[in-house]
Amino acid sequence: MAVTGLLTLQFDIAIYDFALMPNHIHLLLSGTGTSCLAVFDYLKQKLSARLIKDGYQPLPEDYWFKLKPVDNPEQMKNNFIYLDRNAYELQQYIPSGYPWGAGYLHYSAVSDMISGTPASAFSKRKLEEMTGSRLPIPNHWQFHPKYGLLPSSFVDNSLFLRLFQGPKEYESKLVKDYEAFVKVSRSLGEKPVFSSDDVKDIVTHLLQNYFSGKQLRQLSNEEKGRLATVLAKDYDLSADVISSALGLSEHLVQQLLRAKDFGKQR
């Protein structure tokens, strides 16, 4: 958490959102291409130093990153949703309950309830110990004994508030906009992961849009085949997940997805 905050002091960037995951990091930031490249190098250097200090191997030499430009406001909104859903996909936290990111700053009073000790209360030596850096730390930055540097200290929340009209729009996209999650996952070269409840919700949505609101049990095998194709093509769902969702054998689903007719039609 401290290293993430240090990025805003070391480089001419703004961090709008971030999520620290067990083996990777997501950053939504603004800056020049050169700054973004420098950010990655700095992160890698600092994280490796911390790992070595704690008795672990440093990050591998081929530890890589992907820099993805954001082209328009809608895409930026999708990125906010993607980042804030990341911990939720682990099925361990609700989207606004993950402490190792900035998601709980969004239309939430949680950040007001989690307070820390301001940097001004620590000695210079103690701040260097906590951050691993000799950079001057802003007096208003707050450090929590369990969560480290609080994201409210360094995250620029103004862009989020400009893009989303209110908590209702944000929560609706966060819970229901599966398409946005898929788009961003694909752009990052990742495979989206959905819970069984998410898949049921997606199937219900597709039944309403493509099959006049029929219930799943009312669909013919041909219609289920077309539904299976949409689930595979548009949501990157695997054959075993589709099989479970539609009540079809996995072997049949695999055959359907390989069939040219279903591959071309919706």
Protein backbone atom coordinates (compact mmCIF):
# COMPACT_ATOMS: atom_id res chain seq x y z
CA MET A 1 0.00 0.00 0.00
CA ALA A 2 2.83 2.39 0.86
CA VAL A 3 4.67 1.72 -2.40
CA THR A 4 1.48 2.41 -4.37
CA GLY A 5 1.14 5.77 -2.65
CA LEU A 6 4.80 6.59 -3.26
CA LEU A 7 4.13 6.42 -7.01
CA THR A 8 2.22 9.70 -6.79
CA LEU A 9 5.20 11.38 -5.12
CA GLN A 10 7.92 9.90 -7.29
CA PHE A 11 6.23 10.44 -10.69
CA ASP A 12 3.96 12.96 -12.39
CA ILE A 13 0.87 10.76 -12.32
CA ALA A 14 -2.56 10.59 -10.71
CA ILE A 15 -4.02 7.31 -9.42
CA TYR A 16 -7.79 7.07 -9.90
CA ASP A 17 -8.26 3.47 -8.74
CA PHE A 18 -6.17 0.43 -7.89
CA ALA A 19 -6.43 -3.14 -6.63
CA LEU A 20 -3.59 -5.14 -5.11
CA MET A 21 -4.28 -8.82 -5.78
CA PRO A 22 -2.35 -11.87 -4.49
CA ASN A 23 -0.10 -12.12 -7.56
CA HIS A 24 -0.75 -9.01 -9.64
CA ILE A 25 -1.67 -5.34 -9.44
CA HIS A 26 -4.22 -3.24 -11.30
CA LEU A 27 -3.67 0.51 -11.59
CA LEU A 28 -5.99 3.04 -13.23
CA LEU A 29 -3.86 6.14 -13.64
CA SER A 30 -3.11 9.13 -15.81
CA GLY A 31 0.37 10.06 -16.98
CA THR A 32 2.61 10.05 -20.00
CA GLY A 33 3.75 6.77 -21.52
CA THR A 34 7.22 7.42 -20.17
CA SER A 35 5.86 7.97 -16.66
CA CYS A 36 3.81 4.78 -16.81
CA LEU A 37 6.86 2.76 -17.85
CA ALA A 38 8.84 4.28 -15.01
CA VAL A 39 6.02 3.44 -12.58
CA PHE A 40 6.25 -0.24 -13.49
CA ASP A 41 10.04 -0.34 -13.11
CA TYR A 42 9.78 1.39 -9.73
CA LEU A 43 7.07 -0.99 -8.54
CA LYS A 44 9.07 -4.02 -9.56
CA GLN A 45 12.20 -2.71 -7.86
CA LYS A 46 10.40 -1.84 -4.61
CA LEU A 47 8.37 -5.05 -4.42
CA SER A 48 11.46 -7.17 -5.06
CA ALA A 49 13.35 -5.33 -2.32
CA ARG A 50 10.48 -5.94 0.10
CA LEU A 51 10.30 -9.64 -0.80
CA ILE A 52 14.05 -10.07 -0.27
CA LYS A 53 13.86 -8.23 3.06
CA ASP A 54 11.11 -10.60 4.21
CA GLY A 55 13.11 -13.68 3.21
CA TYR A 56 11.52 -14.45 -0.16
CA GLN A 57 12.79 -14.60 -3.73
CA PRO A 58 12.50 -11.34 -5.71
CA LEU A 59 10.07 -10.98 -8.60
CA PRO A 60 11.23 -12.91 -11.67
CA GLU A 61 13.06 -11.01 -14.39
CA ASP A 62 10.21 -11.67 -16.82
CA TYR A 63 7.54 -10.30 -14.46
CA TRP A 64 5.56 -8.36 -17.04
CA PHE A 65 2.95 -5.65 -17.35
CA LYS A 66 0.40 -4.51 -19.89
CA LEU A 67 -0.23 -0.82 -20.49
CA LYS A 68 -3.70 -0.24 -21.94
CA PRO A 69 -4.78 3.28 -23.03
CA VAL A 70 -8.33 4.33 -22.16
CA ASP A 71 -9.98 5.93 -25.16
CA ASN A 72 -13.32 7.32 -23.92
CA PRO A 73 -15.42 7.97 -20.79
CA GLU A 74 -17.48 4.77 -21.16
CA GLN A 75 -14.32 2.68 -21.33
CA MET A 76 -13.02 4.49 -18.26
CA LYS A 77 -16.23 3.63 -16.39
CA ASN A 78 -15.82 0.00 -17.41
CA ASN A 79 -12.30 0.02 -15.98
CA PHE A 80 -13.52 1.32 -12.62
CA ILE A 81 -16.11 -1.47 -12.55
CA TYR A 82 -13.53 -4.08 -13.51
CA LEU A 83 -11.08 -3.06 -10.80
CA ASP A 84 -13.72 -2.87 -8.09
CA ARG A 85 -15.05 -6.33 -9.02
CA ASN A 86 -11.64 -8.01 -8.89
CA ALA A 87 -11.72 -9.01 -5.22
CA TYR A 88 -15.39 -9.94 -5.55
CA GLU A 89 -14.42 -12.53 -8.16
CA LEU A 90 -12.31 -14.26 -5.49
CA GLN A 91 -15.64 -14.80 -3.66
CA GLN A 92 -14.09 -13.48 -0.46
CA TYR A 93 -15.26 -9.85 -0.37
CA ILE A 94 -18.16 -7.74 -1.50
CA PRO A 95 -16.98 -5.12 -4.04
CA SER A 96 -16.79 -2.30 -1.48
CA GLY A 97 -15.28 -4.44 1.28
CA TYR A 98 -11.79 -5.13 -0.03
CA PRO A 99 -9.17 -3.23 2.02
CA TRP A 100 -6.24 -3.54 -0.44
CA GLY A 101 -7.54 -1.12 -3.05
CA ALA A 102 -9.56 2.04 -3.61
CA GLY A 103 -12.97 0.47 -4.32
CA TYR A 104 -14.35 1.27 -0.89
CA LEU A 105 -13.81 5.00 -1.50
CA HIS A 106 -16.61 5.01 -4.09
CA TYR A 107 -19.91 6.29 -2.70
CA SER A 108 -19.10 4.72 0.64
CA ALA A 109 -18.72 5.98 4.20
CA VAL A 110 -16.29 3.17 5.01
CA SER A 111 -13.29 5.41 4.35
CA ASP A 112 -14.61 7.86 6.95
CA MET A 113 -14.84 5.08 9.52
CA ILE A 114 -11.34 3.70 8.89
CA SER A 115 -8.94 6.29 10.21
CA GLY A 116 -5.22 6.15 10.71
CA THR A 117 -2.43 8.12 12.30
CA PRO A 118 -1.29 11.12 10.24
CA ALA A 119 2.27 11.14 8.94
CA SER A 120 2.95 14.27 10.98
CA ALA A 121 2.76 12.15 14.16
CA PHE A 122 5.70 9.95 13.13
CA SER A 123 9.40 10.67 13.16
CA LYS A 124 11.25 10.88 9.87
CA ARG A 125 13.04 7.63 10.66
CA LYS A 126 9.76 5.83 11.38
CA LEU A 127 8.23 7.05 8.11
CA GLU A 128 11.27 5.78 6.21
CA GLU A 129 10.85 2.42 7.93
CA MET A 130 7.12 2.21 7.09
CA THR A 131 7.42 3.32 3.48
CA GLY A 132 10.86 2.00 2.56
CA SER A 133 11.66 5.42 1.10
CA ARG A 134 13.34 8.69 2.06
CA LEU A 135 10.86 10.73 0.06
CA PRO A 136 9.16 13.48 2.11
CA ILE A 137 5.73 12.14 3.11
CA PRO A 138 2.77 14.57 3.10
CA ASN A 139 1.61 15.36 6.64
CA HIS A 140 -2.02 14.48 5.87
CA TRP A 141 -1.26 10.90 4.74
CA GLN A 142 -2.69 8.40 7.21
CA PHE A 143 -1.26 5.02 8.24
CA HIS A 144 -3.43 2.28 9.70
CA PRO A 145 -1.80 -0.36 11.97
CA LYS A 146 -3.34 -3.22 9.93
CA TYR A 147 -4.03 -1.79 6.47
CA GLY A 148 -0.96 0.39 6.06
CA LEU A 149 -1.17 3.60 4.07
CA LEU A 150 -4.85 4.38 3.52
CA PRO A 151 -5.88 4.95 -0.12
CA SER A 152 -7.80 8.09 0.83
CA SER A 153 -4.35 9.67 1.33
CA PHE A 154 -3.31 9.54 -2.32
CA VAL A 155 -6.15 8.39 -4.62
CA ASP A 156 -7.78 11.07 -6.80
CA ASN A 157 -11.51 10.29 -6.51
CA SER A 158 -12.69 13.29 -8.56
CA LEU A 159 -12.76 11.50 -11.93
CA PHE A 160 -14.93 8.71 -10.53
CA LEU A 161 -17.44 11.23 -9.17
CA ARG A 162 -17.58 13.01 -12.55
CA LEU A 163 -18.19 9.80 -14.51
CA PHE A 164 -20.86 8.19 -12.34
CA GLN A 165 -24.04 10.15 -11.73
CA GLY A 166 -24.70 8.55 -8.36
CA PRO A 167 -24.47 5.38 -6.27
CA LYS A 168 -27.44 3.76 -8.02
CA GLU A 169 -25.75 3.85 -11.45
CA TYR A 170 -22.47 2.65 -9.98
CA GLU A 171 -24.02 -0.24 -8.02
CA SER A 172 -26.14 -1.28 -10.99
CA LYS A 173 -23.11 -1.52 -13.29
CA LEU A 174 -21.04 -3.14 -10.57
CA VAL A 175 -23.52 -5.96 -10.04
CA LYS A 176 -25.19 -6.32 -13.45
CA ASP A 177 -22.84 -5.07 -16.16
CA TYR A 178 -21.16 -8.37 -16.93
CA GLU A 179 -20.43 -7.25 -20.49
CA ALA A 180 -18.19 -4.44 -19.25
CA PHE A 181 -16.26 -6.91 -17.11
CA VAL A 182 -15.77 -9.22 -20.11
CA LYS A 183 -14.60 -6.37 -22.37
CA VAL A 184 -11.92 -5.21 -19.95
CA SER A 185 -10.83 -8.79 -19.18
CA ARG A 186 -10.32 -9.45 -22.88
CA SER A 187 -8.42 -6.20 -23.37
CA LEU A 188 -6.00 -7.28 -20.62
CA GLY A 189 -5.63 -10.80 -21.97
CA GLU A 190 -7.42 -12.29 -18.96
CA LYS A 191 -10.33 -14.71 -18.72
CA PRO A 192 -13.36 -13.40 -16.77
CA VAL A 193 -14.50 -15.51 -13.82
CA PHE A 194 -18.14 -15.55 -12.79
CA SER A 195 -19.81 -17.13 -9.78
CA SER A 196 -22.70 -19.58 -10.25
CA ASP A 197 -25.12 -16.81 -9.23
CA ASP A 198 -23.59 -14.51 -11.86
CA VAL A 199 -24.07 -17.18 -14.54
CA LYS A 200 -27.71 -17.68 -13.53
CA ASP A 201 -28.24 -13.93 -13.75
CA ILE A 202 -26.62 -13.81 -17.20
CA VAL A 203 -28.81 -16.67 -18.43
CA THR A 204 -31.95 -14.91 -17.13
CA HIS A 205 -30.89 -11.72 -18.90
CA LEU A 206 -30.33 -13.57 -22.19
CA LEU A 207 -33.67 -15.38 -21.92
CA GLN A 208 -35.40 -12.02 -21.66
CA ASN A 209 -33.48 -10.44 -24.53
CA TYR A 210 -33.20 -13.29 -27.03
CA PHE A 211 -36.02 -15.71 -26.18
CA SER A 212 -38.97 -13.45 -25.32
CA GLY A 213 -38.68 -14.11 -21.61
CA LYS A 214 -39.13 -17.88 -21.85
CA GLN A 215 -38.00 -19.97 -18.92
CA LEU A 216 -35.01 -22.23 -19.46
CA ARG A 217 -37.10 -25.40 -19.26
CA GLN A 218 -39.29 -24.10 -22.11
CA LEU A 219 -36.40 -23.89 -24.59
CA SER A 220 -35.93 -26.51 -27.27
CA ASN A 221 -32.55 -28.21 -27.60
CA GLU A 222 -31.85 -26.05 -30.63
CA GLU A 223 -32.60 -22.88 -28.65
CA LYS A 224 -30.39 -24.11 -25.80
CA GLY A 225 -27.66 -24.65 -28.38
CA ARG A 226 -27.91 -21.06 -29.52
CA LEU A 227 -27.92 -19.88 -25.93
CA ALA A 228 -24.80 -21.95 -25.27
CA THR A 229 -23.09 -20.21 -28.20
CA VAL A 230 -23.89 -16.75 -26.83
CA LEU A 231 -22.57 -17.74 -23.39
CA ALA A 232 -19.34 -18.98 -24.95
CA LYS A 233 -18.84 -16.20 -27.50
CA ASP A 234 -19.95 -13.17 -25.49
CA TYR A 235 -19.05 -14.19 -21.92
CA ASP A 236 -16.11 -16.59 -22.43
CA LEU A 237 -17.81 -19.28 -20.37
CA SER A 238 -16.33 -22.77 -20.56
CA ALA A 239 -18.23 -25.85 -21.70
CA ASP A 240 -18.49 -27.28 -18.18
CA VAL A 241 -19.95 -24.04 -16.79
CA ILE A 242 -22.43 -23.81 -19.67
CA SER A 243 -23.33 -27.46 -19.19
CA SER A 244 -24.18 -26.88 -15.54
CA ALA A 245 -26.13 -23.67 -16.26
CA LEU A 246 -28.27 -25.13 -19.07
CA GLY A 247 -28.71 -28.67 -17.81
CA LEU A 248 -26.99 -30.19 -20.85
CA SER A 249 -24.20 -32.76 -20.94
CA GLU A 250 -20.74 -31.26 -21.27
CA HIS A 251 -20.08 -33.48 -24.28
CA LEU A 252 -23.16 -32.10 -26.05
CA VAL A 253 -22.16 -28.51 -25.26
CA GLN A 254 -18.69 -29.11 -26.70
CA GLN A 255 -20.27 -30.50 -29.88
CA LEU A 256 -22.62 -27.53 -30.13
CA LEU A 257 -19.79 -25.03 -29.77
CA ARG A 258 -17.80 -26.77 -32.48
CA ALA A 259 -20.74 -26.89 -34.90
CA LYS A 260 -20.46 -24.29 -37.66
CA ASP A 261 -24.15 -23.39 -37.60
CA PHE A 262 -24.15 -22.47 -33.93
CA GLY A 263 -20.83 -20.71 -34.26
CA LYS A 264 -22.23 -18.31 -36.86
CA GLN A 265 -25.72 -17.70 -35.53
CA ARG A 266 -27.17 -16.29 -32.31
